[in-house]
Amino acid sequence: MTPTDPAIWQISAGPGSRSYADVFRKHGVALIGPGDAGPWTPERSDEAFEGSFVRRFASEIAAGDVVLLRTALARIAAVGVVAGGYEHINAFDDVNGWDLQHTRRVRWGRLSAEHEFQSPVFGANPPRCSSVWNEEVVDFATRFLNSPPTHWQSAPLPALPTEEPPLANVPDAIAGLVAQAADLLPLMQDVQRFGELPSEDELIVHFVVPLLRALGWPPERIAVKWRYVDVAVFRSLPRTPGTCRFVIEAKRLGAGVEGALEQAQGYATALGVACDAIVADGIRYRMYDGAHGFAPLAYTNLARLKQPAADLFARMQRP
């Protein structure tokens, strides 16, 4: 590289259990967190953003720089060109459970297949975002940018998502649980104050079952660890596969609920009925349609209640 060449950066697409690579490519963005502390400004300390990554992302990356979308230690899914300055966009306040409001617009060039470098070119423990000088990476990026088709490098940027409004009316029955989630989530995520993250069973006890009870389900219709299912909810007694309304697969807090769909689907399929499936970490819940290929139906984050949460609560409500 020469001093006039664009800088090359790598940015993480998140862990495999809750990758947000598709969000990057769909909306033409690169995102980094934590974003809940608000916009970065030169006057703000790195401590407000848990280190220097946000400052570097906001102030050192420039329009025209090259960004590699990293999906593993030495693997990338796309090569992009930075198309604008730093922004703080609240629409990205809950991307697979991460607060990623720090934003740069990027035109992404999708690879035909993810590319694996032959060595740990980003380091043995790659940071969320960093500049890259490795010759193998520079050569790959340069050849990709110069290889046709190159029209994507000047194509119109895709639309940004619209920020969902807060839930206007929190049902009285769950108001206390919502307040508890808002209070406890920051504590549970603080290893220094809390210790190890709560287990799946603890989250079931403190959040999942209380939510079901608040939505009208009596205890005799809520089974825990039933036929290997974390939580099963029944429309009527006796508790059999034929009366199962939906199953819930619980994950550890922060593990990424979307990655648990296959397991939840397997439980529903094993029961031999087209019941819906919910994956949850106590705070976040996503429901899938068992009658239509487990297509996504509804979602909510108890600590960030948005208007679509009303749909999830309605679907989970006892008839």
Foldseek 3Di string as FASTA:
>chain_A
DDPPAAFEKEAEQDAPQQGNPVVCQQQQKDWDDDPPLDDDDPVDDLVSTVHCPLVCLQPVHDAQHKYFYDHDQFKTFWIKGFHDHWDFQQLQCQRLHHGTRTITGIQIDGDPGIDGDPDRQCDPDHDRMDTGDDPVVVVVNVVVCPDPPNVSRVDDGHHDDDRFAFAPDDPPLCVVVLVVCQVCVVQLVDCVRNNDHDFQVVLCVSFVVSLLVSLPADPQQWDACDPNFRIWGFLDDDDALVRTQETEAEGAPPSGQVSCVVVRLVVNVVSVDQHKYWYYHSFKIWIFGSVPPRHTDAIAGSNGGGNRVVVVSVSSHRD
